């Protein structure tokens, strides 16, 4: 008896419609997600190019050899944290926000010792300068991740509401078919079952 109910469930029009809607929703979500990922990747490559141009300008402005006082002025004006590493000396303009090692960052090598990367909403550029390495780090904005979490939570809740509404709508639309199915079964059984 239980096996027959399960078999009937999988062969019902309601189940087929629900599965079709779920598959279509999943496909649409994947397409939109891939589209956003491609757009983000494309925008990050443009951001990399602009950051590199800006970093070269700032490196020239800091001077060669790098002038710490000038770097502090630039850091105040731009919001960047600036670090200079050299075998003989090194300095940084204030506290480096977030993880100063950026060990888990996604990095891109642009050749000639120039690297760009990002980790948790922070972008950085490493470039050879003054016999050492200059690193420019954008300010960390903690709110960005909170906003992303809230957006994802909203999207999940909205998807659940849409699926629940689709479920009840399909049940309502198919109610006449279920009534018709019951009538056909009663007719097929004959007058004895009435």
Protein backbone atom coordinates (compact mmCIF):
# COMPACT_ATOMS: atom_id res chain seq x y z
CA UNK A 1 0.00 0.00 0.00
CA UNK A 2 2.78 2.41 1.00
CA UNK A 3 4.76 1.51 -2.13
CA UNK A 4 1.73 2.27 -4.32
CA UNK A 5 1.31 5.72 -2.73
CA UNK A 6 4.96 6.54 -3.33
CA UNK A 7 4.72 5.35 -6.93
CA UNK A 8 1.55 7.40 -7.45
CA UNK A 9 3.26 10.44 -5.96
CA UNK A 10 6.15 10.23 -8.42
CA UNK A 11 3.81 9.76 -11.39
CA UNK A 12 1.39 12.55 -10.43
CA UNK A 13 1.06 15.69 -12.54
CA UNK A 14 1.57 17.81 -9.39
CA UNK A 15 4.97 16.24 -8.67
CA UNK A 16 6.06 16.60 -12.28
CA UNK A 17 5.07 20.28 -12.32
CA UNK A 18 6.79 20.93 -9.00
CA UNK A 19 10.00 19.21 -10.16
CA UNK A 20 9.88 21.19 -13.41
CA UNK A 21 9.54 24.47 -11.49
CA UNK A 22 12.38 23.50 -9.14
CA UNK A 23 14.65 22.58 -12.05
CA UNK A 24 13.77 25.77 -13.92
CA UNK A 25 14.39 27.84 -10.77
CA UNK A 26 17.73 26.14 -10.19
CA UNK A 27 18.77 26.70 -13.81
CA UNK A 28 17.77 30.37 -13.66
CA UNK A 29 19.66 30.80 -10.38
CA UNK A 30 22.79 29.21 -11.86
CA UNK A 31 22.61 31.39 -14.96
CA UNK A 32 22.17 34.56 -12.88
CA UNK A 33 24.95 33.49 -10.48
CA UNK A 34 27.38 32.73 -13.30
CA UNK A 35 26.48 36.03 -14.96
CA UNK A 36 27.20 37.97 -11.77
CA UNK A 37 30.46 36.06 -11.26
CA UNK A 38 31.59 36.90 -14.81
CA UNK A 39 30.63 40.54 -14.34
CA UNK A 40 32.53 40.67 -11.06
CA UNK A 41 35.61 39.05 -12.61
CA UNK A 42 35.46 41.52 -15.50
CA UNK A 43 35.07 44.49 -13.15
CA UNK A 44 37.95 43.23 -10.98
CA UNK A 45 40.28 43.14 -14.01
CA UNK A 46 39.34 46.78 -14.75
CA UNK A 47 39.86 47.62 -11.10
CA UNK A 48 43.28 45.94 -11.22
CA UNK A 49 44.30 48.08 -14.20
CA UNK A 50 43.13 51.30 -12.54
CA UNK A 51 44.75 50.38 -9.23
CA UNK A 52 48.03 49.67 -11.02
CA UNK A 53 48.00 53.07 -12.72
CA UNK A 54 47.15 54.75 -9.44
CA UNK A 55 49.83 52.75 -7.58
CA UNK A 56 52.48 53.81 -10.10
CA UNK A 57 51.43 57.44 -9.63
CA UNK A 58 51.58 57.11 -5.83
CA UNK A 59 54.95 55.32 -5.96
CA UNK A 60 56.40 58.21 -8.00
CA UNK A 61 54.84 60.65 -5.52
CA UNK A 62 56.41 58.81 -2.54
CA UNK A 63 59.81 59.18 -4.23
CA UNK A 64 62.87 57.02 -4.72
CA UNK A 65 64.17 56.28 -2.14
CA UNK A 66 60.72 56.22 -0.52
CA UNK A 67 60.07 59.13 1.81
CA UNK A 68 58.20 58.05 4.94
CA UNK A 69 56.78 61.52 5.71
CA UNK A 70 55.48 61.85 2.16
CA UNK A 71 53.93 58.34 2.43
CA UNK A 72 52.15 59.35 5.67
CA UNK A 73 50.66 62.41 3.90
CA UNK A 74 49.49 60.24 0.99
CA UNK A 75 48.05 57.63 3.37
CA UNK A 76 46.03 60.33 5.17
CA UNK A 77 44.78 61.78 1.91
CA UNK A 78 43.90 58.49 0.16
CA UNK A 79 42.97 56.17 3.02
CA UNK A 80 45.53 53.62 1.82
CA UNK A 81 47.87 51.92 4.26
CA UNK A 82 51.38 51.97 2.84
CA UNK A 83 54.15 49.55 3.77
CA UNK A 84 57.73 49.56 2.53
CA UNK A 85 59.89 46.45 2.98
CA UNK A 86 63.63 46.64 2.38
CA UNK A 87 66.45 44.38 3.57
CA UNK A 88 68.03 47.31 5.47
CA UNK A 89 64.96 49.22 6.59
CA UNK A 90 61.22 49.12 6.47
CA UNK A 91 58.24 51.14 7.62
CA UNK A 92 54.50 51.36 7.43
CA UNK A 93 52.05 54.22 7.69
CA UNK A 94 50.00 53.27 10.70
CA UNK A 95 48.38 49.95 11.45
CA UNK A 96 47.84 47.64 8.48
CA UNK A 97 44.14 46.75 8.53
CA UNK A 98 42.95 43.15 8.50
CA UNK A 99 45.48 40.41 7.90
CA UNK A 100 48.86 41.97 7.18
CA UNK A 101 50.13 38.76 5.60
CA UNK A 102 47.29 38.30 3.11
CA UNK A 103 48.15 34.60 3.02
CA UNK A 104 44.66 33.60 1.86
CA UNK A 105 44.30 36.42 -0.65
CA UNK A 106 43.54 35.88 -4.31
CA UNK A 107 46.49 37.34 -6.14
CA UNK A 108 47.31 38.12 -9.74
CA UNK A 109 50.86 38.43 -11.08
CA UNK A 110 51.26 41.29 -13.57
CA UNK A 111 54.95 40.60 -14.25
CA UNK A 112 58.03 42.58 -13.22
CA UNK A 113 57.33 41.80 -9.55
CA UNK A 114 53.95 43.59 -9.55
CA UNK A 115 51.08 41.79 -7.80
CA UNK A 116 47.49 42.75 -7.12
CA UNK A 117 45.18 40.87 -4.85
CA UNK A 118 42.10 40.99 -2.73
CA UNK A 119 40.93 39.34 0.43
CA UNK A 120 37.60 39.93 2.16
CA UNK A 121 36.91 43.26 0.50
CA UNK A 122 40.45 44.59 0.84
CA UNK A 123 42.57 45.19 -2.25
CA UNK A 124 46.33 45.54 -2.29
CA UNK A 125 49.15 46.16 -4.73
CA UNK A 126 52.74 45.01 -4.25
CA UNK A 127 55.37 46.51 -6.51
CA UNK A 128 59.15 46.77 -6.48
CA UNK A 129 60.30 50.25 -5.53
CA UNK A 130 63.44 51.88 -4.14
CA UNK A 131 65.35 48.59 -3.90
CA UNK A 132 62.58 47.01 -1.85
CA UNK A 133 58.87 46.37 -2.10
CA UNK A 134 56.07 48.88 -1.72
CA UNK A 135 52.63 47.65 -0.69
CA UNK A 136 49.49 49.77 -0.94
CA UNK A 137 46.42 48.43 0.89
CA UNK A 138 42.90 49.80 0.56
CA UNK A 139 40.95 50.51 3.74
CA UNK A 140 38.96 47.59 5.16
CA UNK A 141 35.21 48.06 5.32
CA UNK A 142 33.69 45.53 7.71
CA UNK A 143 30.16 46.51 6.72
CA UNK A 144 30.61 45.10 3.21
CA UNK A 145 30.60 41.50 4.47
CA UNK A 146 27.66 42.14 6.75
CA UNK A 147 25.76 43.59 3.79
CA UNK A 148 26.65 40.57 1.64
CA UNK A 149 25.39 38.21 4.36
CA UNK A 150 22.16 40.16 4.69
CA UNK A 151 21.65 40.13 0.93
CA UNK A 152 22.23 36.36 0.78
CA UNK A 153 19.82 35.81 3.68
CA UNK A 154 17.20 37.95 1.94
CA UNK A 155 17.68 36.03 -1.31
CA UNK A 156 17.29 32.69 0.50
CA UNK A 157 14.13 33.86 2.27
CA UNK A 158 12.71 35.25 -0.98
CA UNK A 159 13.43 31.94 -2.75
CA UNK A 160 11.67 30.01 0.04
CA UNK A 161 8.62 32.30 -0.20
CA UNK A 162 8.51 31.92 -4.00
CA UNK A 163 8.76 28.12 -3.77
CA UNK A 164 6.04 27.97 -1.09
CA UNK A 165 3.78 30.21 -3.19
CA UNK A 166 4.44 28.03 -6.26
CA UNK A 167 3.59 24.90 -4.24
CA UNK A 168 0.21 26.27 -3.09
CA UNK A 169 -0.57 27.75 -6.50
CA UNK A 170 0.09 24.42 -8.24
CA UNK A 171 -2.09 22.59 -5.70
CA UNK A 172 -4.91 25.06 -6.28
CA UNK A 173 -4.63 24.89 -10.08
CA UNK A 174 -4.59 21.09 -10.04
CA UNK A 175 -7.53 20.70 -7.61
CA UNK A 176 -10.06 20.30 -10.46
CA UNK A 177 -7.87 17.58 -11.95
CA UNK A 178 -7.82 15.70 -8.64
CA UNK A 179 -11.62 15.97 -8.43
CA UNK A 180 -11.88 14.69 -12.00
CA UNK A 181 -9.48 11.84 -11.21
CA UNK A 182 -11.59 10.81 -8.20
CA UNK A 183 -14.75 10.83 -10.34
CA UNK A 184 -13.12 8.75 -13.07
CA UNK A 185 -11.96 6.18 -10.51
CA UNK A 186 -15.47 5.95 -9.06
CA UNK A 187 -16.94 5.45 -12.55
CA UNK A 188 -14.35 2.81 -13.36
CA UNK A 189 -15.11 0.94 -10.15
CA UNK A 190 -18.78 0.70 -11.13
CA UNK A 191 -22.04 1.13 -9.17
CA UNK A 192 -21.01 -1.27 -6.37
CA UNK A 193 -18.49 1.20 -4.91
CA UNK A 194 -21.05 4.03 -4.59
